Protein backbone atom coordinates (compact mmCIF):
# COMPACT_ATOMS: atom_id res chain seq x y z
CA MET A 1 -9.73 135.75 -113.66
CA THR A 2 -9.43 139.45 -113.90
CA ALA A 3 -11.74 139.19 -116.63
CA ASN A 4 -14.41 137.19 -114.89
CA VAL A 5 -14.16 139.71 -111.96
CA ALA A 6 -14.50 142.74 -114.50
CA ARG A 7 -17.90 140.93 -115.99
CA ILE A 8 -19.02 140.65 -112.49
CA ARG A 9 -18.35 144.23 -111.62
CA ALA A 10 -20.04 145.53 -114.86
CA ARG A 11 -23.26 143.76 -113.51
CA THR A 12 -23.44 144.98 -109.93
CA GLN A 13 -22.75 148.19 -107.69
CA SER A 14 -22.49 146.04 -104.70
CA MET A 15 -19.53 144.82 -102.98
CA ILE A 16 -17.92 141.73 -104.36
CA MET A 17 -16.86 138.64 -102.12
CA ALA A 18 -14.62 135.90 -103.66
CA VAL A 19 -15.70 132.43 -102.47
CA VAL A 20 -12.93 130.10 -102.17
CA LYS A 21 -14.24 127.20 -100.86
CA ALA A 22 -13.40 123.65 -102.04
CA ASP A 23 -9.52 125.06 -102.50
CA GLY A 24 -10.74 127.75 -104.76
CA TYR A 25 -12.79 125.59 -106.85
CA GLY A 26 -9.94 123.12 -107.51
CA HIS A 27 -7.72 125.87 -108.53
CA GLY A 28 -5.81 126.86 -105.29
CA ALA A 29 -7.71 128.86 -102.57
CA VAL A 30 -4.70 131.48 -102.09
CA THR A 31 -4.19 131.63 -105.70
CA VAL A 32 -7.89 132.55 -106.67
CA ALA A 33 -8.19 134.49 -103.31
CA ARG A 34 -4.98 136.91 -104.13
CA ALA A 35 -6.02 137.12 -108.13
CA ALA A 36 -9.62 137.96 -107.02
CA VAL A 37 -8.64 140.74 -104.65
CA ALA A 38 -6.09 142.13 -107.02
CA ALA A 39 -9.02 142.40 -109.51
CA GLY A 40 -11.05 144.33 -107.00
CA ALA A 41 -13.17 141.58 -104.76
CA GLY A 42 -13.32 143.36 -101.31
CA TRP A 43 -14.32 140.26 -99.36
CA LEU A 44 -13.31 136.56 -99.39
CA GLY A 45 -15.58 133.55 -98.36
CA THR A 46 -14.72 130.31 -97.00
CA THR A 47 -16.36 127.30 -95.29
CA SER A 48 -14.24 127.08 -92.20
CA VAL A 49 -12.42 129.10 -89.75
CA ALA A 50 -9.49 127.06 -90.78
CA GLU A 51 -9.59 127.93 -94.21
CA ALA A 52 -9.72 131.75 -93.31
CA SER A 53 -6.72 131.37 -91.17
CA ALA A 54 -4.72 129.99 -93.94
CA LEU A 55 -5.60 132.96 -96.14
CA ARG A 56 -4.66 135.22 -93.28
CA ALA A 57 -1.35 133.45 -92.97
CA ALA A 58 -0.85 133.94 -96.81
CA GLY A 59 -1.04 137.89 -96.11
CA LEU A 60 -4.56 138.37 -97.25
CA ALA A 61 -6.06 141.41 -94.99
CA VAL A 62 -9.36 141.99 -96.73
CA PRO A 63 -12.47 140.83 -94.38
CA ILE A 64 -13.46 137.16 -94.56
CA LEU A 65 -16.38 135.44 -93.77
CA THR A 66 -16.79 131.66 -92.97
CA TRP A 67 -20.26 129.98 -92.95
CA LEU A 68 -20.53 126.38 -93.20
CA HIS A 69 -18.36 125.31 -90.05
CA PRO A 70 -18.01 121.47 -90.65
CA SER A 71 -16.26 121.29 -87.34
CA GLY A 72 -18.24 123.71 -85.27
CA ILE A 73 -17.31 127.18 -84.77
CA ASP A 74 -14.19 128.02 -82.79
CA ALA A 75 -14.64 131.52 -81.23
CA ASP A 76 -11.19 131.93 -80.22
CA ALA A 77 -9.92 130.88 -83.66
CA ALA A 78 -12.10 133.30 -85.39
CA ALA A 79 -10.91 136.15 -83.34
CA ALA A 80 -7.48 135.34 -84.16
CA ALA A 81 -8.10 135.19 -87.63
CA GLY A 82 -9.98 138.10 -87.76
CA ALA A 83 -12.59 136.21 -89.31
CA ASP A 84 -16.35 136.75 -89.50
CA VAL A 85 -18.58 133.94 -88.80
CA ALA A 86 -22.10 133.20 -89.88
CA VAL A 87 -24.71 131.39 -87.49
CA GLY A 88 -27.50 129.50 -88.89
CA SER A 89 -29.21 128.29 -85.78
CA VAL A 90 -30.50 129.55 -82.06
CA ALA A 91 -28.39 126.41 -81.02
CA GLU A 92 -25.31 127.61 -82.82
CA LEU A 93 -25.50 131.19 -81.71
CA ASP A 94 -25.96 129.95 -78.12
CA ALA A 95 -23.02 127.64 -78.23
CA LEU A 96 -20.73 130.52 -79.88
CA LEU A 97 -22.06 132.85 -76.96
CA ALA A 98 -21.08 130.33 -74.34
CA GLN A 99 -17.46 130.00 -75.77
CA ALA A 100 -16.52 133.67 -76.98
CA ALA A 101 -14.06 135.37 -74.74
CA SER A 102 -14.00 138.26 -76.89
CA THR A 103 -16.41 139.84 -79.32
CA VAL A 104 -17.12 137.87 -82.47
CA ARG A 105 -18.23 139.35 -85.60
CA VAL A 106 -21.33 137.50 -86.64
CA HIS A 107 -23.78 137.12 -89.82
CA LEU A 108 -27.27 135.79 -89.29
CA HIS A 109 -27.94 133.27 -91.83
CA VAL A 110 -31.51 132.95 -92.22
CA ASP A 111 -33.32 130.34 -94.49
CA THR A 112 -34.82 132.05 -97.65
CA GLY A 113 -35.90 128.98 -99.08
CA MET A 114 -33.13 126.60 -99.66
CA SER A 115 -33.85 124.32 -96.65
CA ARG A 116 -30.16 123.38 -96.70
CA GLY A 117 -29.04 125.56 -93.71
CA GLY A 118 -29.76 128.89 -92.22
CA CYS A 119 -32.44 129.52 -89.54
CA PRO A 120 -35.98 128.54 -90.27
CA ARG A 121 -38.50 131.55 -90.75
CA GLY A 122 -40.43 130.62 -87.56
CA GLN A 123 -37.26 130.99 -85.38
CA TRP A 124 -35.86 134.23 -86.87
CA ASP A 125 -37.43 136.27 -83.89
CA GLU A 126 -35.74 133.68 -81.51
CA LEU A 127 -32.38 134.15 -83.05
CA ILE A 128 -32.51 138.00 -83.67
CA ALA A 129 -33.51 138.29 -79.97
CA LEU A 130 -30.47 136.27 -78.73
CA ALA A 131 -28.18 137.94 -81.12
CA TRP A 132 -29.37 141.23 -79.54
CA ARG A 133 -28.70 140.05 -75.99
CA GLY A 134 -25.05 138.63 -76.96
CA GLN A 135 -24.29 141.92 -78.65
CA GLN A 136 -25.47 143.86 -75.39
CA ALA A 137 -23.09 141.41 -73.55
CA ARG A 138 -20.38 142.06 -75.95
CA ARG A 139 -20.16 138.49 -76.86
CA VAL A 140 -20.96 139.39 -80.53
CA ARG A 141 -21.32 141.99 -83.01
CA VAL A 142 -24.10 141.27 -85.65
CA VAL A 143 -22.22 142.80 -89.12
CA GLY A 144 -24.55 140.99 -91.62
CA VAL A 145 -27.48 139.19 -92.51
CA MET A 146 -27.09 136.27 -95.29
CA GLY A 147 -29.48 133.82 -97.10
CA HIS A 148 -29.22 131.71 -100.52
CA LEU A 149 -30.99 131.71 -103.74
CA PRO A 150 -32.79 128.04 -104.44
CA ARG A 151 -33.43 128.94 -107.99
CA ALA A 152 -31.01 131.51 -109.40
CA ASP A 153 -29.60 128.98 -111.91
CA GLN A 154 -33.01 129.40 -113.64
CA ALA A 155 -31.91 133.16 -114.68
CA ASP A 156 -35.43 134.22 -113.93
CA PRO A 157 -36.07 137.09 -111.54
CA ALA A 158 -39.60 135.66 -110.94
CA ALA A 159 -38.18 132.53 -109.68
CA ASN A 160 -35.75 134.77 -107.16
CA ALA A 161 -38.51 136.92 -105.85
CA PRO A 162 -39.67 134.69 -103.13
CA ALA A 163 -36.14 134.86 -101.42
CA VAL A 164 -35.57 138.61 -101.96
CA VAL A 165 -38.60 139.13 -100.04
CA GLY A 166 -37.49 136.98 -97.43
CA MET A 167 -33.99 138.51 -97.23
CA GLN A 168 -35.97 141.98 -97.09
CA GLU A 169 -38.00 140.93 -94.17
CA ALA A 170 -35.14 139.37 -92.39
CA TRP A 171 -32.89 142.55 -92.74
CA GLN A 172 -35.87 144.68 -91.64
CA ALA A 173 -36.37 142.78 -88.36
CA VAL A 174 -32.61 142.60 -87.47
CA ARG A 175 -32.83 146.34 -87.75
CA ALA A 176 -35.86 146.78 -86.00
CA ALA A 177 -34.64 144.68 -83.18
CA GLY A 178 -31.88 147.46 -82.57
CA LEU A 179 -29.18 145.84 -84.26
CA ARG A 180 -28.52 148.82 -86.60
CA SER A 181 -28.03 148.07 -90.50
CA PRO A 182 -26.09 144.93 -91.01
CA LEU A 183 -24.65 144.26 -94.51
CA ALA A 184 -27.14 141.88 -96.26
CA HIS A 185 -26.04 139.43 -98.89
CA LEU A 186 -27.95 136.98 -101.01
CA ALA A 187 -26.86 136.31 -104.32
CA ALA A 188 -24.05 133.73 -105.73
CA THR A 189 -22.96 133.88 -109.11
CA SER A 190 -25.99 133.26 -110.98
CA GLY A 191 -28.09 135.80 -109.14
CA THR A 192 -25.21 138.24 -109.55
CA LEU A 193 -25.15 137.68 -113.32
CA THR A 194 -29.01 137.80 -114.04
CA ASP A 195 -30.97 139.75 -111.51
CA ARG A 196 -30.13 142.95 -109.81
CA ALA A 197 -32.68 142.80 -107.18
CA THR A 198 -30.92 139.80 -105.44
CA HIS A 199 -27.60 141.91 -104.88
CA PHE A 200 -28.37 143.89 -101.76
CA GLY A 201 -25.00 145.39 -100.08
CA MET A 202 -22.75 142.64 -101.62
CA VAL A 203 -22.70 139.43 -103.82
CA ARG A 204 -20.77 136.20 -103.36
CA VAL A 205 -18.88 134.68 -106.41
CA GLY A 206 -17.40 131.69 -106.33
CA ALA A 207 -17.99 129.54 -109.70
CA GLY A 208 -17.82 132.76 -111.83
CA LEU A 209 -14.34 133.46 -110.63
CA VAL A 210 -13.08 130.60 -112.34
CA GLY A 211 -15.27 130.67 -115.40
CA ILE A 212 -18.57 128.81 -114.58
CA ASP A 213 -21.97 130.36 -114.78
CA PRO A 214 -24.39 128.19 -113.44
CA SER A 215 -27.06 130.05 -115.21
CA GLY A 216 -25.60 129.48 -118.59
CA THR A 217 -26.23 132.92 -119.62
CA VAL A 218 -23.07 134.77 -119.64
CA GLU A 219 -20.04 133.97 -121.44
CA MET A 220 -17.02 133.80 -118.85
CA HIS A 221 -13.43 132.94 -119.05
CA GLY A 222 -12.03 129.65 -118.16
CA ALA A 223 -9.30 130.11 -115.60
CA SER A 224 -7.46 126.89 -115.82
CA ARG A 225 -5.72 124.53 -118.15
CA LEU A 226 -5.24 120.83 -117.81
CA THR A 227 -2.64 119.22 -119.79
CA ALA A 228 -0.81 115.78 -119.89
CA PRO A 229 1.98 114.51 -122.01
CA ILE A 230 1.73 111.42 -124.16
CA VAL A 231 3.49 108.46 -122.78
CA HIS A 232 2.80 105.82 -125.22
CA THR A 233 1.77 105.39 -129.03
CA THR A 234 1.31 102.44 -131.06
CA ALA A 235 -0.15 101.57 -134.36
CA VAL A 236 -3.04 99.15 -134.45
CA PRO A 237 -5.02 97.48 -137.14
CA ALA A 238 -8.79 97.42 -137.37
CA GLY A 239 -10.63 95.45 -134.85
CA THR A 240 -8.19 96.19 -131.85
CA PRO A 241 -10.10 96.31 -128.43
CA VAL A 242 -9.11 99.00 -126.31
CA GLY A 243 -8.89 98.94 -122.28
CA TYR A 244 -10.64 97.11 -119.96
CA ALA A 245 -13.33 94.73 -121.42
CA GLY A 246 -12.31 96.09 -124.83
CA ALA A 247 -15.14 98.52 -124.59
CA HIS A 248 -14.14 100.28 -127.73
CA VAL A 249 -12.89 98.50 -130.78
CA THR A 250 -11.21 100.17 -133.61
CA ASP A 251 -13.07 100.16 -136.97
CA ARG A 252 -9.83 101.04 -138.91
CA ALA A 253 -6.07 100.94 -138.81
CA THR A 254 -5.16 103.96 -136.43
CA HIS A 255 -2.73 105.09 -133.78
CA LEU A 256 -3.51 105.15 -130.16
CA SER A 257 -2.19 107.16 -127.67
CA VAL A 258 -1.59 107.21 -123.77
CA LEU A 259 -2.17 110.02 -121.24
CA PRO A 260 -1.16 109.48 -117.65
CA VAL A 261 -4.55 110.73 -116.29
CA GLY A 262 -7.46 108.87 -115.20
CA TYR A 263 -10.52 108.74 -112.51
CA ALA A 264 -7.99 109.18 -109.80
CA ASP A 265 -7.17 112.49 -111.02
CA GLY A 266 -10.67 113.82 -111.36
CA ILE A 267 -11.40 112.47 -115.13
CA PRO A 268 -15.07 111.22 -115.17
CA ARG A 269 -15.17 107.44 -115.59
CA GLU A 270 -18.38 107.84 -117.57
CA LEU A 271 -18.16 109.61 -120.87
CA SER A 272 -20.03 110.09 -123.77
CA PRO A 273 -18.49 109.26 -127.14
CA GLN A 274 -17.93 112.95 -127.88
CA ALA A 275 -15.11 113.32 -125.51
CA GLY A 276 -11.95 114.28 -126.84
CA VAL A 277 -8.76 116.37 -126.12
CA GLU A 278 -6.76 118.49 -128.10
CA VAL A 279 -3.20 117.75 -129.62
CA ARG A 280 -1.61 120.28 -131.87
CA GLY A 281 -4.59 122.27 -132.77
CA ARG A 282 -6.68 119.09 -133.43
CA ARG A 283 -9.20 117.26 -131.40
CA PHE A 284 -8.91 113.59 -131.03
CA PRO A 285 -11.56 111.17 -129.19
CA VAL A 286 -11.11 109.68 -125.89
CA VAL A 287 -11.90 105.91 -126.70
CA GLY A 288 -12.19 102.81 -124.31
CA ARG A 289 -12.81 103.23 -120.76
CA VAL A 290 -11.27 105.52 -118.45
CA SER A 291 -8.66 103.94 -116.02
CA MET A 292 -7.70 104.82 -112.81
CA ASP A 293 -4.49 106.15 -114.23
CA GLN A 294 -4.99 106.51 -117.92
CA ILE A 295 -7.06 107.58 -120.94
CA VAL A 296 -6.49 106.69 -124.50
CA ILE A 297 -6.93 109.03 -127.34
CA ASP A 298 -7.53 107.83 -131.15
CA THR A 299 -5.31 109.97 -133.22
CA GLY A 300 -6.08 108.24 -136.43
CA ALA A 301 -3.35 108.77 -139.03
CA GLN A 302 -1.30 110.66 -136.92
CA SER A 303 1.50 109.25 -134.73
CA PHE A 304 2.53 111.78 -131.82
CA PRO A 305 6.11 111.13 -130.09
CA VAL A 306 6.34 110.57 -126.31
CA GLY A 307 6.32 113.71 -124.57
CA THR A 308 3.86 115.50 -126.80
CA SER A 309 1.41 117.56 -124.92
CA ALA A 310 -2.37 117.07 -124.95
CA THR A 311 -4.74 119.62 -123.62
CA LEU A 312 -7.84 118.26 -121.77
CA PHE A 313 -9.30 121.64 -120.95
CA GLY A 314 -8.72 125.08 -121.32
CA PRO A 315 -9.98 128.51 -122.00
CA ASP A 316 -9.37 128.45 -125.94
CA GLY A 317 -12.42 126.82 -127.22
CA GLU A 318 -12.52 125.65 -130.69
CA ALA A 319 -10.40 122.25 -130.89
CA THR A 320 -9.58 122.71 -127.14
CA PRO A 321 -12.17 121.51 -125.03
CA THR A 322 -13.61 123.51 -122.17
CA ILE A 323 -14.65 122.77 -118.67
CA GLY A 324 -18.52 122.92 -119.76
CA ASP A 325 -17.68 120.51 -122.59
CA TRP A 326 -16.39 117.93 -120.10
CA ALA A 327 -19.55 118.58 -118.03
CA ARG A 328 -21.68 117.77 -120.75
CA TRP A 329 -19.76 114.57 -121.86
CA ALA A 330 -20.02 113.29 -118.36
CA ALA A 331 -23.50 114.11 -117.79
CA THR A 332 -22.74 116.57 -114.61
CA ILE A 333 -22.04 120.06 -113.94
CA PRO A 334 -18.83 121.91 -114.47
CA HIS A 335 -18.14 122.52 -110.77
CA THR A 336 -17.73 118.96 -110.17
CA ILE A 337 -15.05 118.89 -112.88
CA VAL A 338 -12.70 121.66 -111.52
CA THR A 339 -13.46 120.56 -108.16
CA GLY A 340 -12.65 116.94 -108.62
CA ILE A 341 -9.02 117.38 -110.07
CA GLY A 342 -6.99 115.52 -107.70
CA PRO A 343 -3.99 116.40 -105.79
CA ARG A 344 -1.72 114.27 -108.03
CA VAL A 345 -2.07 116.96 -110.72
CA LYS A 346 0.73 119.30 -110.52
CA ARG A 347 -0.55 123.04 -110.19
CA SER A 348 1.45 126.08 -111.54
CA ILE A 349 0.37 129.53 -112.15
CA ALA A 350 0.71 130.86 -115.52
């Protein structure tokens, strides 16, 4: 993770927010937060005040912003956690002002083209005016303006340009209303890696911390390894059906080994025939259907004893599959692989 923060730092002069939503992209929010801060991230981002409070309880003292609020904004909890909150509508800000007993630090979330949250452009003036009144009443203090890049994964600055212009206009409108010069932030991982014009005062990096570049333009370092022991090995003749419905039939005499992980643990059920795992420096294919608790691999002439460790993914490359490999085999994105690893999988810090 340190290497990924270093790559990000090399591409921006802006402050770095480490976004640790979805339990740190499946890697543990506190673990990722501590590593990112140690590597130079100056902010943390979460989806809820409750997540921010958990980071504070773990001893993390850097500024934290929370912006999705699935259960609404609890002003008292935000103040207690010392967490900034983003507000993305007039109604949301009005509700916050009604309950705030002390000053809450606020980032105005404007829609810069995503249409997936944030205040619509036609209501920016109303939102800013309400924020100004709330600041005069010392219910809120506007410290930031944020938006999102809907097309940053294209790695094309021209595709980002409308959102950049929108953020500039929103920031200028906030300043013109007398709310000083709040911190502007727009870019997530892809924008951070590919387009300096999107960086403003801060960039929000989540996927990049754990080795995922959604734009596919920068080589990042995988931050995790998933292993499982072989729990059963058997020799079978050609023509042996494997797993439910015999979806795979062996075409030769071979050895089959069972790993105790399945779709309940986040292994995608639908995989291409190229899917495989690494055992002792070689890659072996996953065969048959993925079960709830198990997968089967075909190890050919080699018979591995029970307890032999297999690596499903890791940062090594070559024989060891990567998160990107699993995403391709499942026709999905790497984010779904790492965030889908279930709670039965034991986590440890190397």
